[in-house]
Amino acid sequence: FGETFLFMFPTFSRVSYSYAAALLTFAVY
């Protein structure tokens, strides 16, 4: 999304979303 001119923002450049993905992975393993 960060390289898509319509949006120009990578979602995971907000740390809260990276935390959410990592915590979900933590819960899985």
PDB file of all heavy atoms in Angstrom:
ATOM      1  N   PHE A   1       0.837  -1.204   0.000  1.00  0.00           N
ATOM      2  CA  PHE A   1       0.000   0.000   0.000  1.00  0.00           C
ATOM      3  C   PHE A   1       0.872   1.254   0.000  1.00  0.00           C
ATOM      4  O   PHE A   1       0.456   2.303  -0.490  1.00  0.00           O
ATOM      5  CB  PHE A   1      -0.917   0.023   1.227  1.00  0.00           C
ATOM      6  CG  PHE A   1      -2.178  -0.784   1.054  1.00  0.00           C
ATOM      7  CD1 PHE A   1      -2.725  -1.460   2.124  1.00  0.00           C
ATOM      8  CD2 PHE A   1      -2.826  -0.844  -0.173  1.00  0.00           C
ATOM      9  CE1 PHE A   1      -3.892  -2.198   1.976  1.00  0.00           C
ATOM     10  CE2 PHE A   1      -3.990  -1.585  -0.332  1.00  0.00           C
ATOM     11  CZ  PHE A   1      -4.520  -2.259   0.750  1.00  0.00           C
ATOM     12  N   GLY A   2       2.088   1.141   0.577  1.00  0.00           N
ATOM     13  CA  GLY A   2       2.983   2.296   0.625  1.00  0.00           C
ATOM     14  C   GLY A   2       3.490   2.715  -0.742  1.00  0.00           C
ATOM     15  O   GLY A   2       3.955   3.848  -0.916  1.00  0.00           O
ATOM     16  N   GLU A   3       3.447   1.818  -1.714  1.00  0.00           N
ATOM     17  CA  GLU A   3       3.905   2.131  -3.066  1.00  0.00           C
ATOM     18  C   GLU A   3       2.739   2.262  -4.043  1.00  0.00           C
ATOM     19  O   GLU A   3       2.950   2.376  -5.249  1.00  0.00           O
ATOM     20  CB  GLU A   3       4.860   1.035  -3.567  1.00  0.00           C
ATOM     21  CG  GLU A   3       6.240   1.093  -2.940  1.00  0.00           C
ATOM     22  CD  GLU A   3       6.221   0.790  -1.452  1.00  0.00           C
ATOM     23  OE1 GLU A   3       5.777  -0.302  -1.060  1.00  0.00           O
ATOM     24  OE2 GLU A   3       6.646   1.679  -0.675  1.00  0.00           O
ATOM     25  N   THR A   4       1.522   2.242  -3.531  1.00  0.00           N
ATOM     26  CA  THR A   4       0.336   2.410  -4.358  1.00  0.00           C
ATOM     27  C   THR A   4      -0.075   3.869  -4.295  1.00  0.00           C
ATOM     28  O   THR A   4      -0.398   4.382  -3.220  1.00  0.00           O
ATOM     29  CB  THR A   4      -0.824   1.515  -3.859  1.00  0.00           C
ATOM     30  OG1 THR A   4      -0.367   0.162  -3.778  1.00  0.00           O
ATOM     31  CG2 THR A   4      -2.010   1.607  -4.798  1.00  0.00           C
ATOM     32  N   PHE A   5      -0.024   4.573  -5.429  1.00  0.00           N
ATOM     33  CA  PHE A   5      -0.183   6.023  -5.426  1.00  0.00           C
ATOM     34  C   PHE A   5      -1.534   6.479  -4.895  1.00  0.00           C
ATOM     35  O   PHE A   5      -1.668   7.596  -4.426  1.00  0.00           O
ATOM     36  CB  PHE A   5       0.044   6.571  -6.841  1.00  0.00           C
ATOM     37  CG  PHE A   5       1.474   6.491  -7.286  1.00  0.00           C
ATOM     38  CD1 PHE A   5       1.894   5.477  -8.128  1.00  0.00           C
ATOM     39  CD2 PHE A   5       2.392   7.416  -6.827  1.00  0.00           C
ATOM     40  CE1 PHE A   5       3.219   5.404  -8.535  1.00  0.00           C
ATOM     41  CE2 PHE A   5       3.725   7.352  -7.229  1.00  0.00           C
ATOM     42  CZ  PHE A   5       4.138   6.354  -8.078  1.00  0.00           C
ATOM     43  N   LEU A   6      -2.534   5.621  -4.973  1.00  0.00           N
ATOM     44  CA  LEU A   6      -3.836   5.990  -4.437  1.00  0.00           C
ATOM     45  C   LEU A   6      -3.809   6.070  -2.911  1.00  0.00           C
ATOM     46  O   LEU A   6      -4.552   6.845  -2.307  1.00  0.00           O
ATOM     47  CB  LEU A   6      -4.892   4.967  -4.896  1.00  0.00           C
ATOM     48  CG  LEU A   6      -6.336   5.222  -4.475  1.00  0.00           C
ATOM     49  CD1 LEU A   6      -6.833   6.535  -5.080  1.00  0.00           C
ATOM     50  CD2 LEU A   6      -7.226   4.066  -4.906  1.00  0.00           C
ATOM     51  N   PHE A   7      -2.932   5.279  -2.270  1.00  0.00           N
ATOM     52  CA  PHE A   7      -2.902   5.198  -0.811  1.00  0.00           C
ATOM     53  C   PHE A   7      -1.619   5.801  -0.223  1.00  0.00           C
ATOM     54  O   PHE A   7      -1.661   6.567   0.720  1.00  0.00           O
ATOM     55  CB  PHE A   7      -3.029   3.744  -0.362  1.00  0.00           C
ATOM     56  CG  PHE A   7      -4.245   3.052  -0.891  1.00  0.00           C
ATOM     57  CD1 PHE A   7      -4.131   1.945  -1.727  1.00  0.00           C
ATOM     58  CD2 PHE A   7      -5.514   3.516  -0.576  1.00  0.00           C
ATOM     59  CE1 PHE A   7      -5.255   1.307  -2.222  1.00  0.00           C
ATOM     60  CE2 PHE A   7      -6.642   2.881  -1.062  1.00  0.00           C
ATOM     61  CZ  PHE A   7      -6.509   1.775  -1.888  1.00  0.00           C
ATOM     62  N   MET A   8      -0.473   5.375  -0.738  1.00  0.00           N
ATOM     63  CA  MET A   8       0.833   5.899  -0.333  1.00  0.00           C
ATOM     64  C   MET A   8       1.049   5.840   1.184  1.00  0.00           C
ATOM     65  O   MET A   8       1.512   6.792   1.800  1.00  0.00           O
ATOM     66  CB  MET A   8       1.025   7.335  -0.829  1.00  0.00           C
ATOM     67  CG  MET A   8       1.226   7.440  -2.322  1.00  0.00           C
ATOM     68  SD  MET A   8       2.596   6.435  -2.963  1.00  0.00           S
ATOM     69  CE  MET A   8       3.979   7.167  -2.144  1.00  0.00           C
ATOM     70  N   PHE A   9       0.716   4.697   1.770  1.00  0.00           N
ATOM     71  CA  PHE A   9       0.980   4.524   3.199  1.00  0.00           C
ATOM     72  C   PHE A   9       1.012   3.044   3.536  1.00  0.00           C
ATOM     73  O   PHE A   9      -0.004   2.352   3.388  1.00  0.00           O
ATOM     74  CB  PHE A   9      -0.089   5.215   4.048  1.00  0.00           C
ATOM     75  CG  PHE A   9       0.242   5.213   5.522  1.00  0.00           C
ATOM     76  CD1 PHE A   9       1.143   6.127   6.029  1.00  0.00           C
ATOM     77  CD2 PHE A   9      -0.322   4.284   6.376  1.00  0.00           C
ATOM     78  CE1 PHE A   9       1.467   6.124   7.387  1.00  0.00           C
ATOM     79  CE2 PHE A   9      -0.005   4.271   7.718  1.00  0.00           C
ATOM     80  CZ  PHE A   9       0.892   5.192   8.226  1.00  0.00           C
ATOM     81  N   PRO A  10       2.177   2.526   3.970  1.00  0.00           N
ATOM     82  CA  PRO A  10       2.238   1.112   4.377  1.00  0.00           C
ATOM     83  C   PRO A  10       1.618   0.934   5.754  1.00  0.00           C
ATOM     84  O   PRO A  10       2.013   1.605   6.720  1.00  0.00           O
ATOM     85  CB  PRO A  10       3.747   0.830   4.392  1.00  0.00           C
ATOM     86  CG  PRO A  10       4.388   2.154   4.617  1.00  0.00           C
ATOM     87  CD  PRO A  10       3.486   3.186   4.029  1.00  0.00           C
ATOM     88  N   THR A  11       0.657   0.059   5.851  1.00  0.00           N
ATOM     89  CA  THR A  11      -0.085  -0.105   7.112  1.00  0.00           C
ATOM     90  C   THR A  11       0.835  -0.412   8.284  1.00  0.00           C
ATOM     91  O   THR A  11       0.645   0.109   9.393  1.00  0.00           O
ATOM     92  CB  THR A  11      -1.117  -1.233   6.961  1.00  0.00           C
ATOM     93  OG1 THR A  11      -1.886  -1.015   5.786  1.00  0.00           O
ATOM     94  CG2 THR A  11      -2.043  -1.275   8.168  1.00  0.00           C
ATOM     95  N   PHE A  12       1.858  -1.239   8.055  1.00  0.00           N
ATOM     96  CA  PHE A  12       2.707  -1.674   9.156  1.00  0.00           C
ATOM     97  C   PHE A  12       3.779  -0.658   9.528  1.00  0.00           C
ATOM     98  O   PHE A  12       4.637  -0.946  10.357  1.00  0.00           O
ATOM     99  CB  PHE A  12       3.338  -3.031   8.838  1.00  0.00           C
ATOM    100  CG  PHE A  12       2.357  -4.160   8.913  1.00  0.00           C
ATOM    101  CD1 PHE A  12       1.862  -4.752   7.762  1.00  0.00           C
ATOM    102  CD2 PHE A  12       1.898  -4.614  10.139  1.00  0.00           C
ATOM    103  CE1 PHE A  12       0.944  -5.784   7.827  1.00  0.00           C
ATOM    104  CE2 PHE A  12       0.975  -5.641  10.226  1.00  0.00           C
ATOM    105  CZ  PHE A  12       0.496  -6.228   9.062  1.00  0.00           C
ATOM    106  N   SER A  13       3.714   0.545   8.941  1.00  0.00           N
ATOM    107  CA  SER A  13       4.567   1.620   9.439  1.00  0.00           C
ATOM    108  C   SER A  13       3.966   2.265  10.684  1.00  0.00           C
ATOM    109  O   SER A  13       4.588   3.127  11.301  1.00  0.00           O
ATOM    110  CB  SER A  13       4.782   2.683   8.355  1.00  0.00           C
ATOM    111  OG  SER A  13       3.561   3.289   7.977  1.00  0.00           O
ATOM    112  N   ARG A  14       2.772   1.846  11.057  1.00  0.00           N
ATOM    113  CA  ARG A  14       2.195   2.166  12.371  1.00  0.00           C
ATOM    114  C   ARG A  14       2.469   0.976  13.279  1.00  0.00           C
ATOM    115  O   ARG A  14       2.038  -0.147  13.000  1.00  0.00           O
ATOM    116  CB  ARG A  14       0.686   2.408  12.269  1.00  0.00           C
ATOM    117  CG  ARG A  14       0.299   3.719  11.621  1.00  0.00           C
ATOM    118  CD  ARG A  14       0.610   4.923  12.490  1.00  0.00           C
ATOM    119  NE  ARG A  14      -0.155   4.898  13.719  1.00  0.00           N
ATOM    120  CZ  ARG A  14      -1.365   5.434  13.856  1.00  0.00           C
ATOM    121  NH1 ARG A  14      -1.942   6.030  12.823  1.00  0.00           N
ATOM    122  NH2 ARG A  14      -1.994   5.383  15.009  1.00  0.00           N
ATOM    123  N   VAL A  15       3.188   1.212  14.370  1.00  0.00           N
ATOM    124  CA  VAL A  15       3.698   0.108  15.186  1.00  0.00           C
ATOM    125  C   VAL A  15       2.580  -0.723  15.806  1.00  0.00           C
ATOM    126  O   VAL A  15       2.765  -1.913  16.067  1.00  0.00           O
ATOM    127  CB  VAL A  15       4.652   0.657  16.269  1.00  0.00           C
ATOM    128  CG1 VAL A  15       3.886   1.440  17.333  1.00  0.00           C
ATOM    129  CG2 VAL A  15       5.485  -0.457  16.881  1.00  0.00           C
ATOM    130  N   SER A  16       1.427  -0.132  16.038  1.00  0.00           N
ATOM    131  CA  SER A  16       0.329  -0.880  16.656  1.00  0.00           C
ATOM    132  C   SER A  16      -0.106  -2.053  15.786  1.00  0.00           C
ATOM    133  O   SER A  16      -0.452  -3.129  16.300  1.00  0.00           O
ATOM    134  CB  SER A  16      -0.862   0.046  16.932  1.00  0.00           C
ATOM    135  OG  SER A  16      -1.274   0.693  15.739  1.00  0.00           O
ATOM    136  N   TYR A  17      -0.066  -1.902  14.472  1.00  0.00           N
ATOM    137  CA  TYR A  17      -0.454  -2.983  13.583  1.00  0.00           C
ATOM    138  C   TYR A  17       0.615  -4.081  13.548  1.00  0.00           C
ATOM    139  O   TYR A  17       0.297  -5.268  13.445  1.00  0.00           O
ATOM    140  CB  TYR A  17      -0.726  -2.441  12.183  1.00  0.00           C
ATOM    141  CG  TYR A  17      -1.938  -1.548  12.137  1.00  0.00           C
ATOM    142  CD1 TYR A  17      -1.822  -0.171  12.324  1.00  0.00           C
ATOM    143  CD2 TYR A  17      -3.210  -2.072  11.955  1.00  0.00           C
ATOM    144  CE1 TYR A  17      -2.938   0.655  12.315  1.00  0.00           C
ATOM    145  CE2 TYR A  17      -4.328  -1.264  11.944  1.00  0.00           C
ATOM    146  CZ  TYR A  17      -4.187   0.104  12.131  1.00  0.00           C
ATOM    147  OH  TYR A  17      -5.298   0.910  12.135  1.00  0.00           O
ATOM    148  N   SER A  18       1.861  -3.676  13.654  1.00  0.00           N
ATOM    149  CA  SER A  18       2.937  -4.666  13.745  1.00  0.00           C
ATOM    150  C   SER A  18       2.831  -5.447  15.049  1.00  0.00           C
ATOM    151  O   SER A  18       3.046  -6.664  15.074  1.00  0.00           O
ATOM    152  CB  SER A  18       4.298  -3.969  13.648  1.00  0.00           C
ATOM    153  OG  SER A  18       4.451  -3.326  12.398  1.00  0.00           O
ATOM    154  N   TYR A  19       2.515  -4.752  16.141  1.00  0.00           N
ATOM    155  CA  TYR A  19       2.313  -5.439  17.424  1.00  0.00           C
ATOM    156  C   TYR A  19       1.169  -6.447  17.317  1.00  0.00           C
ATOM    157  O   TYR A  19       1.263  -7.565  17.841  1.00  0.00           O
ATOM    158  CB  TYR A  19       1.997  -4.424  18.522  1.00  0.00           C
ATOM    159  CG  TYR A  19       3.181  -3.657  19.049  1.00  0.00           C
ATOM    160  CD1 TYR A  19       3.026  -2.377  19.583  1.00  0.00           C
ATOM    161  CD2 TYR A  19       4.461  -4.197  19.022  1.00  0.00           C
ATOM    162  CE1 TYR A  19       4.116  -1.666  20.065  1.00  0.00           C
ATOM    163  CE2 TYR A  19       5.551  -3.497  19.498  1.00  0.00           C
ATOM    164  CZ  TYR A  19       5.373  -2.228  20.027  1.00  0.00           C
ATOM    165  OH  TYR A  19       6.453  -1.527  20.510  1.00  0.00           O
ATOM    166  N   ALA A  20       0.086  -6.042  16.658  1.00  0.00           N
ATOM    167  CA  ALA A  20      -1.069  -6.932  16.542  1.00  0.00           C
ATOM    168  C   ALA A  20      -0.711  -8.198  15.764  1.00  0.00           C
ATOM    169  O   ALA A  20      -1.078  -9.309  16.166  1.00  0.00           O
ATOM    170  CB  ALA A  20      -2.225  -6.195  15.859  1.00  0.00           C
ATOM    171  N   ALA A  21       0.018  -8.045  14.655  1.00  0.00           N
ATOM    172  CA  ALA A  21       0.419  -9.219  13.865  1.00  0.00           C
ATOM    173  C   ALA A  21       1.349 -10.122  14.660  1.00  0.00           C
ATOM    174  O   ALA A  21       1.244 -11.352  14.610  1.00  0.00           O
ATOM    175  CB  ALA A  21       1.097  -8.767  12.571  1.00  0.00           C
ATOM    176  N   ALA A  22       2.272  -9.515  15.424  1.00  0.00           N
ATOM    177  CA  ALA A  22       3.210 -10.303  16.223  1.00  0.00           C
ATOM    178  C   ALA A  22       2.492 -11.016  17.372  1.00  0.00           C
ATOM    179  O   ALA A  22       2.796 -12.177  17.680  1.00  0.00           O
ATOM    180  CB  ALA A  22       4.318  -9.407  16.773  1.00  0.00           C
ATOM    181  N   LEU A  23       1.540 -10.341  18.014  1.00  0.00           N
ATOM    182  CA  LEU A  23       0.804 -10.969  19.121  1.00  0.00           C
ATOM    183  C   LEU A  23      -0.085 -12.100  18.618  1.00  0.00           C
ATOM    184  O   LEU A  23      -0.246 -13.124  19.300  1.00  0.00           O
ATOM    185  CB  LEU A  23      -0.035  -9.916  19.852  1.00  0.00           C
ATOM    186  CG  LEU A  23       0.753  -8.935  20.725  1.00  0.00           C
ATOM    187  CD1 LEU A  23      -0.180  -7.859  21.296  1.00  0.00           C
ATOM    188  CD2 LEU A  23       1.457  -9.669  21.874  1.00  0.00           C
ATOM    189  N   LEU A  24      -0.649 -11.943  17.437  1.00  0.00           N
ATOM    190  CA  LEU A  24      -1.452 -13.020  16.866  1.00  0.00           C
ATOM    191  C   LEU A  24      -0.576 -14.231  16.570  1.00  0.00           C
ATOM    192  O   LEU A  24      -0.954 -15.377  16.867  1.00  0.00           O
ATOM    193  CB  LEU A  24      -2.141 -12.543  15.591  1.00  0.00           C
ATOM    194  CG  LEU A  24      -3.061 -13.552  14.896  1.00  0.00           C
ATOM    195  CD1 LEU A  24      -4.187 -13.981  15.823  1.00  0.00           C
ATOM    196  CD2 LEU A  24      -3.639 -12.943  13.612  1.00  0.00           C
ATOM    197  N   THR A  25       0.604 -13.981  16.028  1.00  0.00           N
ATOM    198  CA  THR A  25       1.550 -15.076  15.780  1.00  0.00           C
ATOM    199  C   THR A  25       1.990 -15.714  17.087  1.00  0.00           C
ATOM    200  O   THR A  25       2.114 -16.943  17.190  1.00  0.00           O
ATOM    201  CB  THR A  25       2.775 -14.541  15.010  1.00  0.00           C
ATOM    202  OG1 THR A  25       2.335 -13.987  13.765  1.00  0.00           O
ATOM    203  CG2 THR A  25       3.786 -15.647  14.754  1.00  0.00           C
ATOM    204  N   PHE A  26       2.219 -14.900  18.103  1.00  0.00           N
ATOM    205  CA  PHE A  26       2.586 -15.396  19.429  1.00  0.00           C
ATOM    206  C   PHE A  26       1.500 -16.323  19.959  1.00  0.00           C
ATOM    207  O   PHE A  26       1.786 -17.410  20.487  1.00  0.00           O
ATOM    208  CB  PHE A  26       2.788 -14.210  20.372  1.00  0.00           C
ATOM    209  CG  PHE A  26       3.030 -14.580  21.801  1.00  0.00           C
ATOM    210  CD1 PHE A  26       4.287 -14.972  22.236  1.00  0.00           C
ATOM    211  CD2 PHE A  26       2.004 -14.522  22.731  1.00  0.00           C
ATOM    212  CE1 PHE A  26       4.514 -15.306  23.569  1.00  0.00           C
ATOM    213  CE2 PHE A  26       2.220 -14.850  24.056  1.00  0.00           C
ATOM    214  CZ  PHE A  26       3.480 -15.246  24.478  1.00  0.00           C
ATOM    215  N   ALA A  27       0.230 -15.909  19.801  1.00  0.00           N
ATOM    216  CA  ALA A  27      -0.885 -16.739  20.271  1.00  0.00           C
ATOM    217  C   ALA A  27      -0.945 -18.062  19.512  1.00  0.00           C
ATOM    218  O   ALA A  27      -1.224 -19.112  20.104  1.00  0.00           O
ATOM    219  CB  ALA A  27      -2.198 -15.978  20.104  1.00  0.00           C
ATOM    220  N   VAL A  28      -0.629 -18.021  18.210  1.00  0.00           N
ATOM    221  CA  VAL A  28      -0.674 -19.248  17.409  1.00  0.00           C
ATOM    222  C   VAL A  28       0.404 -20.218  17.842  1.00  0.00           C
ATOM    223  O   VAL A  28       0.137 -21.412  18.062  1.00  0.00           O
ATOM    224  CB  VAL A  28      -0.526 -18.922  15.902  1.00  0.00           C
ATOM    225  CG1 VAL A  28      -0.325 -20.197  15.080  1.00  0.00           C
ATOM    226  CG2 VAL A  28      -1.758 -18.180  15.404  1.00  0.00           C
ATOM    227  N   TYR A  29       1.656 -19.737  17.990  1.00  0.00           N
ATOM    228  CA  TYR A  29       2.706 -20.712  18.308  1.00  0.00           C
ATOM    229  C   TYR A  29       2.676 -21.149  19.773  1.00  0.00           C
ATOM    230  O   TYR A  29       3.001 -22.295  20.087  1.00  0.00           O
ATOM    231  CB  TYR A  29       4.090 -20.228  17.865  1.00  0.00           C
ATOM    232  CG  TYR A  29       4.792 -19.165  18.654  1.00  0.00           C
ATOM    233  CD1 TYR A  29       5.373 -19.434  19.894  1.00  0.00           C
ATOM    234  CD2 TYR A  29       4.960 -17.896  18.129  1.00  0.00           C
ATOM    235  CE1 TYR A  29       6.060 -18.462  20.591  1.00  0.00           C
ATOM    236  CE2 TYR A  29       5.659 -16.926  18.816  1.00  0.00           C
ATOM    237  CZ  TYR A  29       6.203 -17.203  20.041  1.00  0.00           C
ATOM    238  OH  TYR A  29       6.888 -16.230  20.729  1.00  0.00           O
TER     239      TYR A  29
END
